[in-house]
Amino acid sequence: LPKYLQDIGWNPASFGVGLSMLMIGSAFGTVIGGSLADRCGRRKIVAGSMFLAAIPLWIYHETSGLVFFALIHLIGLLTGAGFAVTVVMAQAMLPGKKALASGLALGFIFASGAIGAAFAGWVGDQIGLALVLQGMALVAIVSGICALMLPPTTPSAD
């Protein structure tokens, strides 16, 4: 995000605001997603949040000002909604090994994010960062489809 904002001429102070909006949205999303998952089902929240995230991911780079910051916040909220839920799902899949399950889930989340960022940067150098960032909407859709393939953890809710 900071590199993209620099490329389109934003000043560095705006980078911080943009990243703050994303991270604050993610923090709220984690709490809201966890609460909704307790009521609606874990798999539905993980998949649904990814499908919904595709919309702002597709359009945010075409906006500016308050609309941009609102969309970045929404992206953080929607992509963050599944973090805690994913950890709980992993714990349910490895009963009696909750710490291991948490470590595996979080390790996968962070490692795949790091590898994905490096790959996205390389592709961005080839075809342009704006196109790659817009393509993250497709990644969100694929993530949502993958989430639908997860086993239900609460059969009545999922």
C-alpha atoms as a PDB file:
ATOM      1  CA  LEU A   1       0.000   0.000   0.000  1.00  0.00           C
ATOM      2  CA  PRO A   2       2.699   2.597   0.833  1.00  0.00           C
ATOM      3  CA  LYS A   3       4.517   1.929  -2.454  1.00  0.00           C
ATOM      4  CA  TYR A   4       1.296   2.321  -4.401  1.00  0.00           C
ATOM      5  CA  LEU A   5       0.446   5.555  -2.599  1.00  0.00           C
ATOM      6  CA  GLN A   6       3.941   6.865  -3.291  1.00  0.00           C
ATOM      7  CA  ASP A   7       3.610   5.942  -6.964  1.00  0.00           C
ATOM      8  CA  ILE A   8       0.398   7.939  -7.312  1.00  0.00           C
ATOM      9  CA  GLY A   9       1.916  10.989  -5.635  1.00  0.00           C
ATOM     10  CA  TRP A  10       0.591  10.861  -2.081  1.00  0.00           C
ATOM     11  CA  ASN A  11       2.757  12.308   0.658  1.00  0.00           C
ATOM     12  CA  PRO A  12       4.291   9.981   3.287  1.00  0.00           C
ATOM     13  CA  ALA A  13       1.979  11.229   6.052  1.00  0.00           C
ATOM     14  CA  SER A  14      -0.942   9.849   4.050  1.00  0.00           C
ATOM     15  CA  PHE A  15       0.728   6.428   3.916  1.00  0.00           C
ATOM     16  CA  GLY A  16       0.513   6.248   7.694  1.00  0.00           C
ATOM     17  CA  VAL A  17      -3.135   7.243   7.722  1.00  0.00           C
ATOM     18  CA  GLY A  18      -3.917   4.625   5.089  1.00  0.00           C
ATOM     19  CA  LEU A  19      -2.091   1.870   6.939  1.00  0.00           C
ATOM     20  CA  SER A  20      -3.687   2.946  10.224  1.00  0.00           C
ATOM     21  CA  MET A  21      -7.149   2.741   8.678  1.00  0.00           C
ATOM     22  CA  LEU A  22      -6.356  -0.741   7.356  1.00  0.00           C
ATOM     23  CA  MET A  23      -5.019  -1.990  10.695  1.00  0.00           C
ATOM     24  CA  ILE A  24      -7.800  -0.419  12.766  1.00  0.00           C
ATOM     25  CA  GLY A  25     -10.326  -2.000  10.423  1.00  0.00           C
ATOM     26  CA  SER A  26      -8.583  -5.344  10.841  1.00  0.00           C
ATOM     27  CA  ALA A  27      -8.710  -5.053  14.633  1.00  0.00           C
ATOM     28  CA  PHE A  28     -12.430  -4.280  14.578  1.00  0.00           C
ATOM     29  CA  GLY A  29     -12.969  -7.025  12.012  1.00  0.00           C
ATOM     30  CA  THR A  30     -11.331  -9.600  14.258  1.00  0.00           C
ATOM     31  CA  VAL A  31     -13.714  -8.813  17.111  1.00  0.00           C
ATOM     32  CA  ILE A  32     -16.812  -8.471  14.920  1.00  0.00           C
ATOM     33  CA  GLY A  33     -15.966 -11.600  12.916  1.00  0.00           C
ATOM     34  CA  GLY A  34     -15.491 -13.635  16.074  1.00  0.00           C
ATOM     35  CA  SER A  35     -18.780 -12.439  17.511  1.00  0.00           C
ATOM     36  CA  LEU A  36     -20.667 -13.149  14.291  1.00  0.00           C
ATOM     37  CA  ALA A  37     -19.051 -16.581  13.952  1.00  0.00           C
ATOM     38  CA  ASP A  38     -20.385 -17.540  17.371  1.00  0.00           C
ATOM     39  CA  ARG A  39     -23.890 -16.773  16.138  1.00  0.00           C
ATOM     40  CA  CYS A  40     -23.814 -17.570  12.417  1.00  0.00           C
ATOM     41  CA  GLY A  41     -21.152 -20.230  12.006  1.00  0.00           C
ATOM     42  CA  ARG A  42     -17.421 -20.033  11.516  1.00  0.00           C
ATOM     43  CA  ARG A  43     -17.180 -21.164   7.918  1.00  0.00           C
ATOM     44  CA  LYS A  44     -19.865 -18.690   6.832  1.00  0.00           C
ATOM     45  CA  ILE A  45     -17.966 -15.768   8.361  1.00  0.00           C
ATOM     46  CA  VAL A  46     -14.593 -16.735   6.903  1.00  0.00           C
ATOM     47  CA  ALA A  47     -16.020 -17.325   3.416  1.00  0.00           C
ATOM     48  CA  GLY A  48     -18.491 -14.453   3.492  1.00  0.00           C
ATOM     49  CA  SER A  49     -15.945 -11.903   4.637  1.00  0.00           C
ATOM     50  CA  MET A  50     -13.595 -12.876   1.803  1.00  0.00           C
ATOM     51  CA  PHE A  51     -16.340 -12.672  -0.808  1.00  0.00           C
ATOM     52  CA  LEU A  52     -17.433  -9.269   0.510  1.00  0.00           C
ATOM     53  CA  ALA A  53     -13.826  -8.013   0.655  1.00  0.00           C
ATOM     54  CA  ALA A  54     -13.533  -8.529  -3.095  1.00  0.00           C
ATOM     55  CA  ILE A  55     -15.787  -5.533  -3.761  1.00  0.00           C
ATOM     56  CA  PRO A  56     -13.734  -2.826  -2.020  1.00  0.00           C
ATOM     57  CA  LEU A  57     -10.506  -4.542  -3.121  1.00  0.00           C
ATOM     58  CA  TRP A  58     -11.631  -4.195  -6.736  1.00  0.00           C
ATOM     59  CA  ILE A  59     -12.504  -0.484  -6.546  1.00  0.00           C
ATOM     60  CA  TYR A  60     -10.458   1.243  -3.822  1.00  0.00           C
ATOM     61  CA  HIS A  61      -7.527   2.144  -6.030  1.00  0.00           C
ATOM     62  CA  GLU A  62      -9.856   4.169  -8.267  1.00  0.00           C
ATOM     63  CA  THR A  63     -10.879   6.451  -5.378  1.00  0.00           C
ATOM     64  CA  SER A  64      -9.249   9.181  -3.324  1.00  0.00           C
ATOM     65  CA  GLY A  65      -9.725  11.157  -0.125  1.00  0.00           C
ATOM     66  CA  LEU A  66     -12.287  10.023   2.411  1.00  0.00           C
ATOM     67  CA  VAL A  67     -13.763   7.377   0.126  1.00  0.00           C
ATOM     68  CA  PHE A  68     -10.318   5.794  -0.252  1.00  0.00           C
ATOM     69  CA  PHE A  69      -9.754   5.757   3.504  1.00  0.00           C
ATOM     70  CA  ALA A  70     -13.250   4.364   4.139  1.00  0.00           C
ATOM     71  CA  LEU A  71     -12.674   1.560   1.623  1.00  0.00           C
ATOM     72  CA  ILE A  72      -9.253   0.751   3.095  1.00  0.00           C
ATOM     73  CA  HIS A  73     -10.881   0.578   6.544  1.00  0.00           C
ATOM     74  CA  LEU A  74     -13.592  -1.715   5.153  1.00  0.00           C
ATOM     75  CA  ILE A  75     -10.959  -3.937   3.515  1.00  0.00           C
ATOM     76  CA  GLY A  76      -9.199  -4.282   6.864  1.00  0.00           C
ATOM     77  CA  LEU A  77     -12.479  -5.036   8.619  1.00  0.00           C
ATOM     78  CA  LEU A  78     -13.509  -7.705   6.123  1.00  0.00           C
ATOM     79  CA  THR A  79     -10.129  -9.380   5.726  1.00  0.00           C
ATOM     80  CA  GLY A  80      -9.562  -9.301   9.495  1.00  0.00           C
ATOM     81  CA  ALA A  81     -12.939 -10.871  10.251  1.00  0.00           C
ATOM     82  CA  GLY A  82     -11.626 -14.358   9.658  1.00  0.00           C
ATOM     83  CA  PHE A  83      -8.339 -14.234  11.601  1.00  0.00           C
ATOM     84  CA  ALA A  84      -9.542 -15.273  15.053  1.00  0.00           C
ATOM     85  CA  VAL A  85     -12.175 -17.547  13.547  1.00  0.00           C
ATOM     86  CA  THR A  86      -9.509 -19.395  11.559  1.00  0.00           C
ATOM     87  CA  VAL A  87      -7.479 -19.960  14.716  1.00  0.00           C
ATOM     88  CA  VAL A  88     -10.540 -21.361  16.522  1.00  0.00           C
ATOM     89  CA  MET A  89     -11.303 -23.614  13.540  1.00  0.00           C
ATOM     90  CA  ALA A  90      -7.742 -24.947  13.621  1.00  0.00           C
ATOM     91  CA  GLN A  91      -8.063 -25.603  17.366  1.00  0.00           C
ATOM     92  CA  ALA A  92     -11.264 -27.565  16.757  1.00  0.00           C
ATOM     93  CA  MET A  93      -9.462 -29.693  14.156  1.00  0.00           C
ATOM     94  CA  LEU A  94      -6.660 -30.555  16.606  1.00  0.00           C
ATOM     95  CA  PRO A  95      -8.391 -31.159  19.944  1.00  0.00           C
ATOM     96  CA  GLY A  96      -5.944 -31.426  22.796  1.00  0.00           C
ATOM     97  CA  LYS A  97      -3.313 -29.492  20.831  1.00  0.00           C
ATOM     98  CA  LYS A  98      -4.764 -25.994  20.864  1.00  0.00           C
ATOM     99  CA  ALA A  99      -1.405 -24.212  21.138  1.00  0.00           C
ATOM    100  CA  LEU A 100      -0.009 -26.170  18.194  1.00  0.00           C
ATOM    101  CA  ALA A 101      -3.157 -25.486  16.186  1.00  0.00           C
ATOM    102  CA  SER A 102      -2.946 -21.764  16.960  1.00  0.00           C
ATOM    103  CA  GLY A 103       0.706 -21.670  15.972  1.00  0.00           C
ATOM    104  CA  LEU A 104       0.046 -23.507  12.727  1.00  0.00           C
ATOM    105  CA  ALA A 105      -2.880 -21.273  11.792  1.00  0.00           C
ATOM    106  CA  LEU A 106      -1.127 -18.014  12.627  1.00  0.00           C
ATOM    107  CA  GLY A 107       2.131 -19.210  11.097  1.00  0.00           C
ATOM    108  CA  PHE A 108       0.323 -20.042   7.873  1.00  0.00           C
ATOM    109  CA  ILE A 109      -1.502 -16.695   7.850  1.00  0.00           C
ATOM    110  CA  PHE A 110       1.678 -14.658   8.329  1.00  0.00           C
ATOM    111  CA  ALA A 111       3.951 -16.789   6.132  1.00  0.00           C
ATOM    112  CA  SER A 112       1.491 -16.868   3.248  1.00  0.00           C
ATOM    113  CA  GLY A 113       1.056 -13.103   3.598  1.00  0.00           C
ATOM    114  CA  ALA A 114       4.810 -12.567   3.427  1.00  0.00           C
ATOM    115  CA  ILE A 115       5.244 -14.853   0.438  1.00  0.00           C
ATOM    116  CA  GLY A 116       2.196 -13.315  -1.230  1.00  0.00           C
ATOM    117  CA  ALA A 117       3.533  -9.790  -0.697  1.00  0.00           C
ATOM    118  CA  ALA A 118       6.885 -10.711  -2.227  1.00  0.00           C
ATOM    119  CA  PHE A 119       5.186 -12.383  -5.177  1.00  0.00           C
ATOM    120  CA  ALA A 120       2.758  -9.476  -5.637  1.00  0.00           C
ATOM    121  CA  GLY A 121       5.688  -7.052  -5.603  1.00  0.00           C
ATOM    122  CA  TRP A 122       7.517  -9.042  -8.262  1.00  0.00           C
ATOM    123  CA  VAL A 123       4.382  -9.255 -10.433  1.00  0.00           C
ATOM    124  CA  GLY A 124       3.766  -5.555  -9.809  1.00  0.00           C
ATOM    125  CA  ASP A 125       7.208  -4.793 -11.220  1.00  0.00           C
ATOM    126  CA  GLN A 126       6.207  -6.700 -14.358  1.00  0.00           C
ATOM    127  CA  ILE A 127       2.671  -5.474 -15.004  1.00  0.00           C
ATOM    128  CA  GLY A 128       2.098  -2.543 -12.653  1.00  0.00           C
ATOM    129  CA  LEU A 129       1.225  -2.364  -8.995  1.00  0.00           C
ATOM    130  CA  ALA A 130      -2.286  -0.950  -9.495  1.00  0.00           C
ATOM    131  CA  LEU A 131      -3.299  -3.976 -11.561  1.00  0.00           C
ATOM    132  CA  VAL A 132      -1.843  -6.361  -8.983  1.00  0.00           C
ATOM    133  CA  LEU A 133      -3.650  -4.605  -6.150  1.00  0.00           C
ATOM    134  CA  GLN A 134      -6.909  -4.814  -8.074  1.00  0.00           C
ATOM    135  CA  GLY A 135      -6.183  -8.499  -8.643  1.00  0.00           C
ATOM    136  CA  MET A 136      -6.271  -9.010  -4.876  1.00  0.00           C
ATOM    137  CA  ALA A 137     -10.054  -9.048  -5.326  1.00  0.00           C
ATOM    138  CA  LEU A 138      -9.655 -12.294  -7.242  1.00  0.00           C
ATOM    139  CA  VAL A 139      -7.445 -13.665  -4.461  1.00  0.00           C
ATOM    140  CA  ALA A 140     -10.226 -12.838  -1.996  1.00  0.00           C
ATOM    141  CA  ILE A 141     -12.776 -14.700  -4.135  1.00  0.00           C
ATOM    142  CA  VAL A 142     -10.522 -17.764  -4.374  1.00  0.00           C
ATOM    143  CA  SER A 143     -10.003 -17.570  -0.600  1.00  0.00           C
ATOM    144  CA  GLY A 144     -13.759 -17.492  -0.095  1.00  0.00           C
ATOM    145  CA  ILE A 145     -14.192 -20.552  -2.303  1.00  0.00           C
ATOM    146  CA  CYS A 146     -11.465 -22.378  -0.366  1.00  0.00           C
ATOM    147  CA  ALA A 147     -13.149 -21.417   2.913  1.00  0.00           C
ATOM    148  CA  LEU A 148     -16.378 -23.026   1.724  1.00  0.00           C
ATOM    149  CA  MET A 149     -14.451 -26.293   1.452  1.00  0.00           C
ATOM    150  CA  LEU A 150     -13.477 -26.234   5.135  1.00  0.00           C
ATOM    151  CA  PRO A 151     -15.238 -28.837   7.248  1.00  0.00           C
ATOM    152  CA  PRO A 152     -18.100 -27.500   9.324  1.00  0.00           C
ATOM    153  CA  THR A 153     -17.075 -27.083  12.940  1.00  0.00           C
ATOM    154  CA  THR A 154     -20.561 -26.529  14.256  1.00  0.00           C
ATOM    155  CA  PRO A 155     -22.885 -28.509  11.962  1.00  0.00           C
ATOM    156  CA  SER A 156     -26.010 -26.622  12.980  1.00  0.00           C
ATOM    157  CA  ALA A 157     -24.411 -23.231  12.281  1.00  0.00           C
ATOM    158  CA  ASP A 158     -22.292 -24.006   9.219  1.00  0.00           C
END
